[in-house]
Amino acid sequence: MSLQLFIVIIIGIIVSIIVIRGIYRFFFVKKESGFCGSCNACEFNPLNMQKTK
């Protein structure tokens, strides 16, 4: 009985760490990609090239 409880507690701690890390990344980590997934198609857009020159 105590072995099962120990395993359940360990699994619960691991799952809670994963969930807390996911919530932290969702709210506090800034993504460097663009709104479209940061593909390279924006480099070939003539309007975008005028803005960067």
PDB file of N, CA and C in Angstrom:
ATOM      1  N   MET A   1       0.823  -1.191   0.000  1.00  0.00           N
ATOM      2  CA  MET A   1       0.000   0.000   0.000  1.00  0.00           C
ATOM      3  C   MET A   1       0.868   1.256   0.000  1.00  0.00           C
ATOM      4  N   SER A   2       1.894   1.293   0.812  1.00  0.00           N
ATOM      5  CA  SER A   2       2.726   2.489   0.873  1.00  0.00           C
ATOM      6  C   SER A   2       3.539   2.665  -0.414  1.00  0.00           C
ATOM      7  N   LEU A   3       3.896   1.573  -1.088  1.00  0.00           N
ATOM      8  CA  LEU A   3       4.619   1.677  -2.352  1.00  0.00           C
ATOM      9  C   LEU A   3       3.728   2.312  -3.423  1.00  0.00           C
ATOM     10  N   GLN A   4       2.465   1.907  -3.467  1.00  0.00           N
ATOM     11  CA  GLN A   4       1.533   2.491  -4.428  1.00  0.00           C
ATOM     12  C   GLN A   4       1.332   3.982  -4.157  1.00  0.00           C
ATOM     13  N   LEU A   5       1.195   4.341  -2.904  1.00  0.00           N
ATOM     14  CA  LEU A   5       1.029   5.743  -2.541  1.00  0.00           C
ATOM     15  C   LEU A   5       2.262   6.547  -2.937  1.00  0.00           C
ATOM     16  N   PHE A   6       3.433   6.009  -2.699  1.00  0.00           N
ATOM     17  CA  PHE A   6       4.676   6.673  -3.064  1.00  0.00           C
ATOM     18  C   PHE A   6       4.757   6.894  -4.569  1.00  0.00           C
ATOM     19  N   ILE A   7       4.384   5.898  -5.363  1.00  0.00           N
ATOM     20  CA  ILE A   7       4.407   6.009  -6.828  1.00  0.00           C
ATOM     21  C   ILE A   7       3.403   7.053  -7.307  1.00  0.00           C
ATOM     22  N   VAL A   8       2.209   7.063  -6.708  1.00  0.00           N
ATOM     23  CA  VAL A   8       1.187   8.038  -7.090  1.00  0.00           C
ATOM     24  C   VAL A   8       1.648   9.456  -6.751  1.00  0.00           C
ATOM     25  N   ILE A   9       2.286   9.632  -5.612  1.00  0.00           N
ATOM     26  CA  ILE A   9       2.788  10.953  -5.234  1.00  0.00           C
ATOM     27  C   ILE A   9       3.878  11.411  -6.197  1.00  0.00           C
ATOM     28  N   ILE A  10       4.782  10.529  -6.561  1.00  0.00           N
ATOM     29  CA  ILE A  10       5.852  10.876  -7.514  1.00  0.00           C
ATOM     30  C   ILE A  10       5.261  11.262  -8.869  1.00  0.00           C
ATOM     31  N   ILE A  11       4.303  10.488  -9.357  1.00  0.00           N
ATOM     32  CA  ILE A  11       3.666  10.799 -10.643  1.00  0.00           C
ATOM     33  C   ILE A  11       2.921  12.124 -10.552  1.00  0.00           C
ATOM     34  N   GLY A  12       2.247  12.384  -9.449  1.00  0.00           N
ATOM     35  CA  GLY A  12       1.543  13.648  -9.264  1.00  0.00           C
ATOM     36  C   GLY A  12       2.480  14.835  -9.269  1.00  0.00           C
ATOM     37  N   ILE A  13       3.634  14.690  -8.630  1.00  0.00           N
ATOM     38  CA  ILE A  13       4.611  15.780  -8.623  1.00  0.00           C
ATOM     39  C   ILE A  13       5.138  16.039 -10.028  1.00  0.00           C
ATOM     40  N   ILE A  14       5.423  14.979 -10.767  1.00  0.00           N
ATOM     41  CA  ILE A  14       5.939  15.130 -12.134  1.00  0.00           C
ATOM     42  C   ILE A  14       4.903  15.805 -13.029  1.00  0.00           C
ATOM     43  N   VAL A  15       3.649  15.377 -12.935  1.00  0.00           N
ATOM     44  CA  VAL A  15       2.588  15.967 -13.761  1.00  0.00           C
ATOM     45  C   VAL A  15       2.367  17.428 -13.388  1.00  0.00           C
ATOM     46  N   SER A  16       2.406  17.746 -12.107  1.00  0.00           N
ATOM     47  CA  SER A  16       2.199  19.138 -11.707  1.00  0.00           C
ATOM     48  C   SER A  16       3.342  20.031 -12.188  1.00  0.00           C
ATOM     49  N   ILE A  17       4.568  19.522 -12.186  1.00  0.00           N
ATOM     50  CA  ILE A  17       5.694  20.300 -12.701  1.00  0.00           C
ATOM     51  C   ILE A  17       5.517  20.566 -14.193  1.00  0.00           C
ATOM     52  N   ILE A  18       5.076  19.571 -14.940  1.00  0.00           N
ATOM     53  CA  ILE A  18       4.864  19.744 -16.379  1.00  0.00           C
ATOM     54  C   ILE A  18       3.759  20.757 -16.647  1.00  0.00           C
ATOM     55  N   VAL A  19       2.675  20.688 -15.889  1.00  0.00           N
ATOM     56  CA  VAL A  19       1.561  21.625 -16.074  1.00  0.00           C
ATOM     57  C   VAL A  19       1.979  23.048 -15.711  1.00  0.00           C
ATOM     58  N   ILE A  20       2.679  23.216 -14.610  1.00  0.00           N
ATOM     59  CA  ILE A  20       3.122  24.549 -14.196  1.00  0.00           C
ATOM     60  C   ILE A  20       4.099  25.128 -15.213  1.00  0.00           C
ATOM     61  N   ARG A  21       4.996  24.300 -15.751  1.00  0.00           N
ATOM     62  CA  ARG A  21       5.932  24.770 -16.774  1.00  0.00           C
ATOM     63  C   ARG A  21       5.187  25.199 -18.036  1.00  0.00           C
ATOM     64  N   GLY A  22       4.164  24.444 -18.431  1.00  0.00           N
ATOM     65  CA  GLY A  22       3.376  24.807 -19.602  1.00  0.00           C
ATOM     66  C   GLY A  22       2.624  26.111 -19.409  1.00  0.00           C
ATOM     67  N   ILE A  23       2.047  26.310 -18.230  1.00  0.00           N
ATOM     68  CA  ILE A  23       1.344  27.560 -17.942  1.00  0.00           C
ATOM     69  C   ILE A  23       2.319  28.733 -17.932  1.00  0.00           C
ATOM     70  N   TYR A  24       3.489  28.546 -17.342  1.00  0.00           N
ATOM     71  CA  TYR A  24       4.500  29.608 -17.314  1.00  0.00           C
ATOM     72  C   TYR A  24       4.926  29.988 -18.730  1.00  0.00           C
ATOM     73  N   ARG A  25       5.192  28.981 -19.552  1.00  0.00           N
ATOM     74  CA  ARG A  25       5.609  29.274 -20.928  1.00  0.00           C
ATOM     75  C   ARG A  25       4.494  29.956 -21.714  1.00  0.00           C
ATOM     76  N   PHE A  26       3.246  29.597 -21.458  1.00  0.00           N
ATOM     77  CA  PHE A  26       2.132  30.183 -22.198  1.00  0.00           C
ATOM     78  C   PHE A  26       1.978  31.663 -21.872  1.00  0.00           C
ATOM     79  N   PHE A  27       2.135  32.038 -20.605  1.00  0.00           N
ATOM     80  CA  PHE A  27       1.879  33.409 -20.203  1.00  0.00           C
ATOM     81  C   PHE A  27       3.126  34.298 -20.164  1.00  0.00           C
ATOM     82  N   PHE A  28       4.298  33.768 -19.884  1.00  0.00           N
ATOM     83  CA  PHE A  28       5.438  34.618 -19.590  1.00  0.00           C
ATOM     84  C   PHE A  28       6.608  34.522 -20.570  1.00  0.00           C
ATOM     85  N   VAL A  29       6.636  33.555 -21.445  1.00  0.00           N
ATOM     86  CA  VAL A  29       7.747  33.425 -22.380  1.00  0.00           C
ATOM     87  C   VAL A  29       7.319  34.028 -23.705  1.00  0.00           C
ATOM     88  N   LYS A  30       8.099  35.002 -24.183  1.00  0.00           N
ATOM     89  CA  LYS A  30       7.774  35.668 -25.441  1.00  0.00           C
ATOM     90  C   LYS A  30       8.280  34.830 -26.601  1.00  0.00           C
ATOM     91  N   LYS A  31       7.413  34.597 -27.549  1.00  0.00           N
ATOM     92  CA  LYS A  31       7.808  33.852 -28.739  1.00  0.00           C
ATOM     93  C   LYS A  31       8.472  34.793 -29.721  1.00  0.00           C
ATOM     94  N   GLU A  32       9.538  34.348 -30.332  1.00  0.00           N
ATOM     95  CA  GLU A  32      10.268  35.158 -31.293  1.00  0.00           C
ATOM     96  C   GLU A  32       9.713  35.005 -32.707  1.00  0.00           C
ATOM     97  N   SER A  33       8.788  34.093 -32.895  1.00  0.00           N
ATOM     98  CA  SER A  33       8.261  33.862 -34.233  1.00  0.00           C
ATOM     99  C   SER A  33       7.185  34.886 -34.562  1.00  0.00           C
ATOM    100  N   GLY A  34       6.906  35.019 -35.823  1.00  0.00           N
ATOM    101  CA  GLY A  34       5.875  35.939 -36.266  1.00  0.00           C
ATOM    102  C   GLY A  34       4.489  35.356 -36.047  1.00  0.00           C
ATOM    103  N   PHE A  35       3.500  36.126 -36.434  1.00  0.00           N
ATOM    104  CA  PHE A  35       2.138  35.680 -36.225  1.00  0.00           C
ATOM    105  C   PHE A  35       1.758  34.521 -37.128  1.00  0.00           C
ATOM    106  N   CYS A  36       2.490  34.322 -38.214  1.00  0.00           N
ATOM    107  CA  CYS A  36       2.145  33.268 -39.173  1.00  0.00           C
ATOM    108  C   CYS A  36       2.978  32.011 -38.973  1.00  0.00           C
ATOM    109  N   GLY A  37       3.792  31.933 -37.933  1.00  0.00           N
ATOM    110  CA  GLY A  37       4.615  30.759 -37.714  1.00  0.00           C
ATOM    111  C   GLY A  37       6.040  30.938 -38.173  1.00  0.00           C
ATOM    112  N   SER A  38       6.407  32.144 -38.516  1.00  0.00           N
ATOM    113  CA  SER A  38       7.765  32.549 -38.915  1.00  0.00           C
ATOM    114  C   SER A  38       8.283  31.765 -40.118  1.00  0.00           C
ATOM    115  N   CYS A  39       7.479  31.684 -41.146  1.00  0.00           N
ATOM    116  CA  CYS A  39       7.967  31.080 -42.388  1.00  0.00           C
ATOM    117  C   CYS A  39       8.807  32.114 -43.136  1.00  0.00           C
ATOM    118  N   ASN A  40       9.458  31.714 -44.185  1.00  0.00           N
ATOM    119  CA  ASN A  40      10.326  32.616 -44.944  1.00  0.00           C
ATOM    120  C   ASN A  40       9.595  33.349 -46.058  1.00  0.00           C
ATOM    121  N   ALA A  41       8.299  33.173 -46.185  1.00  0.00           N
ATOM    122  CA  ALA A  41       7.557  33.809 -47.269  1.00  0.00           C
ATOM    123  C   ALA A  41       7.517  35.320 -47.110  1.00  0.00           C
ATOM    124  N   CYS A  42       7.614  35.832 -45.901  1.00  0.00           N
ATOM    125  CA  CYS A  42       7.568  37.275 -45.684  1.00  0.00           C
ATOM    126  C   CYS A  42       8.796  37.965 -46.286  1.00  0.00           C
ATOM    127  N   GLU A  43       9.890  37.267 -46.426  1.00  0.00           N
ATOM    128  CA  GLU A  43      11.080  37.849 -47.033  1.00  0.00           C
ATOM    129  C   GLU A  43      10.864  38.155 -48.507  1.00  0.00           C
ATOM    130  N   PHE A  44       9.969  37.423 -49.148  1.00  0.00           N
ATOM    131  CA  PHE A  44       9.727  37.602 -50.568  1.00  0.00           C
ATOM    132  C   PHE A  44       8.560  38.535 -50.850  1.00  0.00           C
ATOM    133  N   ASN A  45       7.932  39.047 -49.814  1.00  0.00           N
ATOM    134  CA  ASN A  45       6.810  39.957 -49.966  1.00  0.00           C
ATOM    135  C   ASN A  45       7.356  41.339 -50.345  1.00  0.00           C
ATOM    136  N   PRO A  46       6.946  41.911 -51.474  1.00  0.00           N
ATOM    137  CA  PRO A  46       7.494  43.209 -51.883  1.00  0.00           C
ATOM    138  C   PRO A  46       7.166  44.331 -50.893  1.00  0.00           C
ATOM    139  N   LEU A  47       6.020  44.283 -50.269  1.00  0.00           N
ATOM    140  CA  LEU A  47       5.677  45.320 -49.291  1.00  0.00           C
ATOM    141  C   LEU A  47       6.593  45.260 -48.079  1.00  0.00           C
ATOM    142  N   ASN A  48       6.935  44.066 -47.654  1.00  0.00           N
ATOM    143  CA  ASN A  48       7.836  43.894 -46.515  1.00  0.00           C
ATOM    144  C   ASN A  48       9.250  44.338 -46.870  1.00  0.00           C
ATOM    145  N   MET A  49       9.659  44.145 -48.111  1.00  0.00           N
ATOM    146  CA  MET A  49      11.006  44.529 -48.521  1.00  0.00           C
ATOM    147  C   MET A  49      11.140  46.042 -48.551  1.00  0.00           C
ATOM    148  N   GLN A  50      10.069  46.768 -48.886  1.00  0.00           N
ATOM    149  CA  GLN A  50      10.114  48.222 -48.897  1.00  0.00           C
ATOM    150  C   GLN A  50      10.251  48.768 -47.478  1.00  0.00           C
ATOM    151  N   LYS A  51       9.642  48.121 -46.516  1.00  0.00           N
ATOM    152  CA  LYS A  51       9.706  48.583 -45.140  1.00  0.00           C
ATOM    153  C   LYS A  51      11.094  48.385 -44.549  1.00  0.00           C
ATOM    154  N   THR A  52      11.781  47.318 -44.944  1.00  0.00           N
ATOM    155  CA  THR A  52      13.071  47.015 -44.343  1.00  0.00           C
ATOM    156  C   THR A  52      14.216  47.771 -45.009  1.00  0.00           C
ATOM    157  N   LYS A  53      14.030  48.281 -46.219  1.00  0.00           N
ATOM    158  CA  LYS A  53      15.126  48.988 -46.920  1.00  0.00           C
ATOM    159  C   LYS A  53      15.276  50.396 -46.481  1.00  0.00           C
TER     160      LYS A  53
END
